[in-house]
Amino acid sequence: MNYKIALIKGDGIGPEIVDEAVKVLDRVGVKYGHTFDYTRVLMGGESIDACGVPLTDEAIAQCKASDSVLMGSIGGEEDGVVGMGE
């Protein structure tokens, strides 16, 4: 089967986590005969930098058009969120 997956990499460690999750999905696809079409969707700080808002209507539409959404963590010190222990 072929699946459409929207990737929201997020901020902080989110991109690293999503990149590793994609590697796992790709291996699952090889083992079980699935394919995955990934579409990058901006959200959080990345979207603010590119579009001026944390989430656009276009991003929401892309997610709704997908079979699934894989989202990394969103937020960081730039967004007013301070990590644990700080």
Foldseek 3Di string as FASTA:
>chain_A
DEFEEEEEQADDCSVVVSVVVVVVVVVVCVVPVYHYHYDYAYAAPVCCVVPVHRHDPVSVVSCVVGPYYDTGDHDDVVNVDHDPPD
